[in-house]
Amino acid sequence: MTPLIIRAHLDGEVSFPGGPPALDALLIWAACALVGRETARPGDADWDDKPTIPLAQSSGIYLASHGYHVPEKAHLRYVNRRFPLDEAQTLGNAKLRVVNIQGGPCKSYRLPSPTAHLEGDLVTWWAIGDGDAVRDLLESCIGYLGKRRATGRGRVRRWEVERCTPWGEGFPVVRDGAPMRPLPTSWPGLRGRLTLRYGVLTPPYWEHTREELLAVPSWPEERPAWDVAREAVA
């Protein structure tokens, strides 16, 4: 296991409404995809048999940061669904009196979908692991990052995995006393004024029933840039 820096070189805009992706979650998903199975969750019968990933662990936590990125230019796009009222009237019979497009299955909607171009088109992670195995997993399975991938957002042009020089105590999950991924507040090396938020400590991060109060990174995220874009539109 060696200190690593991992970079995703992107091709265009991305959508990270829930924050940047975590390297351990990406690798677990890729390892499951390679053997043709769904990602297991803690408590599942096959959780203990989940595919392993080439990252070091400490106290059950993978030694890998969450993705670091700096939004450079934000956009506020929308996901639109307009119910085909004319077709419904054509296909309906004499009993069709009302089509409610304000609610129910026929409801039309217009949902905000924030996106951003990132500085250098880069998302960066730091980790301790097997560089060749990490690269193989990422290149074989992870071609897109973030939301709305089916529309082309977050396409990864290429992956770059290299050895790096650790910055010192806490690498790669604590730097200058600040967390580089969600950590317990008692984690060694954390100091100063910490950003605390309820979150999930280990993958899968979308399982919110396991939330607890954690020290989280305070990096620039997409939401402040989205707010700027929304104000500009308004």
Protein backbone atom coordinates (compact mmCIF):
# COMPACT_ATOMS: atom_id res chain seq x y z
CA MET A 1 0.00 0.00 0.00
CA THR A 2 1.43 3.37 -1.06
CA PRO A 3 0.36 7.04 -0.85
CA LEU A 4 -1.62 7.92 -3.97
CA ILE A 5 -3.10 10.90 -5.74
CA ILE A 6 -5.97 10.12 -8.09
CA ARG A 7 -7.29 12.57 -10.67
CA ALA A 8 -10.36 12.35 -12.87
CA HIS A 9 -9.94 14.49 -15.99
CA LEU A 10 -13.45 15.47 -17.04
CA ASP A 11 -14.98 16.39 -20.36
CA GLY A 12 -17.48 19.16 -19.70
CA GLU A 13 -19.85 20.04 -16.91
CA VAL A 14 -20.78 17.96 -13.87
CA SER A 15 -23.64 17.80 -11.38
CA PHE A 16 -22.68 17.19 -7.73
CA PRO A 17 -25.81 18.32 -5.81
CA GLY A 18 -24.90 16.15 -2.83
CA GLY A 19 -21.23 17.10 -2.77
CA PRO A 20 -18.19 15.51 -4.39
CA PRO A 21 -17.99 11.70 -4.75
CA ALA A 22 -16.05 9.48 -2.37
CA LEU A 23 -13.26 7.29 -3.71
CA ASP A 24 -14.13 4.27 -1.55
CA ALA A 25 -17.76 4.35 -2.73
CA LEU A 26 -16.66 4.49 -6.38
CA LEU A 27 -14.32 1.53 -5.93
CA ILE A 28 -16.89 -0.58 -4.07
CA TRP A 29 -19.43 0.05 -6.83
CA ALA A 30 -16.83 -0.86 -9.48
CA ALA A 31 -15.82 -4.05 -7.64
CA CYS A 32 -19.45 -5.13 -7.38
CA ALA A 33 -20.11 -4.33 -11.04
CA LEU A 34 -17.17 -6.50 -12.13
CA VAL A 35 -18.67 -9.58 -10.47
CA GLY A 36 -22.22 -8.77 -11.57
CA ARG A 37 -23.85 -8.05 -8.23
CA GLU A 38 -25.55 -5.17 -6.51
CA THR A 39 -23.76 -3.13 -3.87
CA ALA A 40 -24.37 -4.73 -0.47
CA ARG A 41 -25.40 -2.68 2.56
CA PRO A 42 -24.42 -3.09 6.22
CA GLY A 43 -26.78 -5.65 7.72
CA ASP A 44 -27.35 -7.53 4.46
CA ALA A 45 -26.72 -11.27 4.59
CA ASP A 46 -23.88 -10.96 2.05
CA TRP A 47 -22.27 -7.83 3.58
CA ASP A 48 -19.34 -9.84 4.97
CA ASP A 49 -18.74 -11.30 1.49
CA LYS A 50 -18.72 -7.97 -0.34
CA PRO A 51 -15.89 -7.53 -2.89
CA THR A 52 -12.74 -6.05 -1.39
CA ILE A 53 -11.17 -2.87 -2.72
CA PRO A 54 -7.44 -2.00 -2.86
CA LEU A 55 -7.46 0.69 -0.14
CA ALA A 56 -5.96 0.62 3.34
CA GLN A 57 -8.28 0.88 6.35
CA SER A 58 -8.06 2.20 9.89
CA SER A 59 -10.78 1.51 12.48
CA GLY A 60 -13.02 0.25 9.67
CA ILE A 61 -12.68 3.47 7.65
CA TYR A 62 -11.03 3.49 4.24
CA LEU A 63 -8.01 5.78 4.11
CA ALA A 64 -9.17 7.82 1.15
CA SER A 65 -10.42 11.38 0.83
CA HIS A 66 -13.61 12.52 -0.78
CA GLY A 67 -13.29 14.24 -4.13
CA TYR A 68 -11.77 17.73 -4.09
CA HIS A 69 -12.91 20.13 -6.79
CA VAL A 70 -13.31 23.85 -7.30
CA PRO A 71 -16.36 25.04 -9.29
CA GLU A 72 -15.25 27.57 -11.88
CA LYS A 73 -18.48 28.41 -13.68
CA ALA A 74 -21.96 27.45 -12.49
CA HIS A 75 -25.16 26.89 -14.44
CA LEU A 76 -28.73 26.39 -13.28
CA ARG A 77 -30.41 24.04 -15.72
CA TYR A 78 -33.80 22.35 -15.42
CA VAL A 79 -35.24 18.87 -15.86
CA ASN A 80 -38.60 19.27 -17.61
CA ARG A 81 -41.48 16.84 -18.00
CA ARG A 82 -44.57 18.06 -19.83
CA PHE A 83 -47.51 15.68 -19.88
CA PRO A 84 -48.64 14.99 -23.50
CA LEU A 85 -52.13 16.39 -23.04
CA ASP A 86 -53.01 16.36 -26.77
CA GLU A 87 -52.15 12.66 -27.05
CA ALA A 88 -54.16 11.87 -23.92
CA GLN A 89 -57.20 13.60 -25.41
CA THR A 90 -56.78 11.72 -28.68
CA LEU A 91 -56.41 8.31 -27.01
CA GLY A 92 -59.07 8.87 -24.36
CA ASN A 93 -62.67 7.70 -24.66
CA ALA A 94 -65.95 9.42 -23.91
CA LYS A 95 -65.51 8.86 -20.19
CA LEU A 96 -62.35 10.98 -20.09
CA ARG A 97 -63.45 14.26 -18.62
CA VAL A 98 -60.45 15.66 -16.76
CA VAL A 99 -56.67 15.20 -16.95
CA ASN A 100 -55.08 16.59 -13.79
CA ILE A 101 -51.62 17.90 -14.68
CA GLN A 102 -51.22 19.54 -11.26
CA GLY A 103 -50.76 16.29 -9.36
CA GLY A 104 -50.61 12.52 -9.61
CA PRO A 105 -49.05 10.47 -12.45
CA CYS A 106 -49.96 13.10 -15.05
CA LYS A 107 -48.25 15.97 -13.25
CA SER A 108 -45.87 18.12 -15.26
CA TYR A 109 -42.75 19.39 -13.53
CA ARG A 110 -39.74 21.65 -13.93
CA LEU A 111 -36.97 20.75 -11.47
CA PRO A 112 -33.75 22.73 -10.96
CA SER A 113 -30.60 20.79 -11.85
CA PRO A 114 -27.40 22.63 -10.85
CA THR A 115 -24.27 21.98 -12.88
CA ALA A 116 -20.76 23.44 -12.96
CA HIS A 117 -17.55 23.45 -14.93
CA LEU A 118 -14.64 22.69 -12.62
CA GLU A 119 -11.31 24.43 -12.42
CA GLY A 120 -8.94 22.46 -14.64
CA ASP A 121 -11.80 19.99 -15.30
CA LEU A 122 -10.41 18.02 -12.36
CA VAL A 123 -11.67 16.05 -9.39
CA THR A 124 -8.82 14.94 -7.09
CA TRP A 125 -8.56 12.32 -4.34
CA TRP A 126 -5.77 11.23 -2.01
CA ALA A 127 -5.52 7.70 -0.65
CA ILE A 128 -3.32 4.88 0.61
CA GLY A 129 -3.68 1.80 -1.53
CA ASP A 130 -2.53 -0.32 -4.45
CA GLY A 131 -2.17 2.12 -7.32
CA ASP A 132 -2.36 -0.39 -10.18
CA ALA A 133 -5.45 -2.09 -8.75
CA VAL A 134 -7.16 1.25 -8.11
CA ARG A 135 -6.45 2.35 -11.68
CA ASP A 136 -7.77 -0.91 -13.13
CA LEU A 137 -11.05 -0.64 -11.21
CA LEU A 138 -11.64 2.99 -12.14
CA GLU A 139 -10.76 2.61 -15.80
CA SER A 140 -12.82 -0.56 -16.22
CA CYS A 141 -16.08 0.64 -14.66
CA ILE A 142 -16.22 4.38 -13.88
CA GLY A 143 -16.79 6.44 -17.00
CA TYR A 144 -18.97 9.17 -15.50
CA LEU A 145 -19.30 11.01 -12.18
CA GLY A 146 -22.23 12.71 -10.48
CA LYS A 147 -25.88 13.04 -11.47
CA ARG A 148 -27.57 13.12 -14.90
CA ARG A 149 -24.92 10.88 -16.43
CA ALA A 150 -27.37 9.65 -19.07
CA THR A 151 -27.39 13.16 -20.54
CA GLY A 152 -23.61 13.23 -20.81
CA ARG A 153 -22.75 15.15 -17.65
CA GLY A 154 -19.64 14.18 -15.72
CA ARG A 155 -17.94 12.18 -18.46
CA VAL A 156 -14.42 11.13 -17.43
CA ARG A 157 -11.95 11.67 -20.24
CA ARG A 158 -9.18 9.78 -18.45
CA TRP A 159 -8.04 8.60 -15.02
CA GLU A 160 -4.63 9.38 -13.55
CA VAL A 161 -3.29 7.42 -10.55
CA GLU A 162 0.20 8.26 -9.27
CA ARG A 163 2.33 7.87 -6.18
CA CYS A 164 2.61 11.03 -4.14
CA THR A 165 4.50 12.40 -1.16
CA PRO A 166 2.33 12.44 1.99
CA TRP A 167 1.87 15.88 3.54
CA GLY A 168 2.59 14.43 6.98
CA GLU A 169 0.45 13.45 9.95
CA GLY A 170 -3.07 12.41 9.06
CA PHE A 171 -2.52 11.65 5.35
CA PRO A 172 -4.80 11.16 3.49
CA VAL A 173 -7.86 11.84 5.65
CA VAL A 174 -6.66 14.82 7.76
CA ARG A 175 -4.68 17.82 6.54
CA ASP A 176 -3.66 20.75 8.75
CA GLY A 177 -6.14 19.56 11.36
CA ALA A 178 -9.10 19.53 8.94
CA PRO A 179 -10.91 16.41 7.68
CA MET A 180 -10.56 15.35 4.06
CA ARG A 181 -13.57 13.05 4.37
CA PRO A 182 -16.32 12.58 6.99
CA LEU A 183 -14.68 11.46 10.24
CA PRO A 184 -15.66 10.97 13.88
CA THR A 185 -14.92 14.10 15.90
CA SER A 186 -12.50 12.04 18.01
CA TRP A 187 -10.33 11.09 15.03
CA PRO A 188 -6.60 11.63 15.74
CA GLY A 189 -5.18 14.83 14.28
CA LEU A 190 -8.44 16.81 14.05
CA ARG A 191 -8.13 20.22 15.66
CA GLY A 192 -9.27 23.80 15.42
CA ARG A 193 -12.75 24.86 14.39
CA LEU A 194 -14.38 21.91 12.64
CA THR A 195 -17.38 21.85 10.31
CA LEU A 196 -19.87 19.43 11.89
CA ARG A 197 -22.74 17.88 10.00
CA TYR A 198 -24.88 14.78 10.17
CA GLY A 199 -23.62 12.26 7.64
CA VAL A 200 -22.78 8.62 6.95
CA LEU A 201 -19.33 7.41 7.92
CA THR A 202 -18.86 4.47 5.52
CA PRO A 203 -20.35 3.38 2.18
CA PRO A 204 -23.06 3.32 1.05
CA TYR A 205 -23.31 7.04 1.80
CA TRP A 206 -26.92 7.30 0.63
CA GLU A 207 -28.17 5.13 3.52
CA HIS A 208 -29.27 8.02 5.73
CA THR A 209 -30.59 5.81 8.52
CA ARG A 210 -26.94 5.46 9.61
CA GLU A 211 -26.31 9.19 9.92
CA GLU A 212 -24.36 10.53 12.88
CA LEU A 213 -22.67 13.82 13.76
CA LEU A 214 -19.32 13.92 11.94
CA ALA A 215 -16.51 16.31 11.14
CA VAL A 216 -16.76 16.98 7.39
CA PRO A 217 -14.65 18.79 4.78
CA SER A 218 -15.37 22.48 4.29
CA TRP A 219 -14.21 22.61 0.66
CA PRO A 220 -15.97 24.74 -1.94
CA GLU A 221 -19.02 22.88 -3.18
CA GLU A 222 -21.37 23.44 -6.05
CA ARG A 223 -24.30 24.80 -4.06
CA PRO A 224 -22.85 28.28 -3.37
CA ALA A 225 -22.10 28.64 -7.09
CA TRP A 226 -25.63 27.42 -7.86
CA ASP A 227 -27.05 30.13 -5.60
CA VAL A 228 -25.05 32.74 -7.52
CA ALA A 229 -26.41 31.39 -10.82
CA ARG A 230 -29.97 31.38 -9.47
CA GLU A 231 -29.65 34.99 -8.37
CA ALA A 232 -28.33 35.93 -11.80
CA VAL A 233 -31.34 34.28 -13.49
CA ALA A 234 -33.71 35.99 -11.08
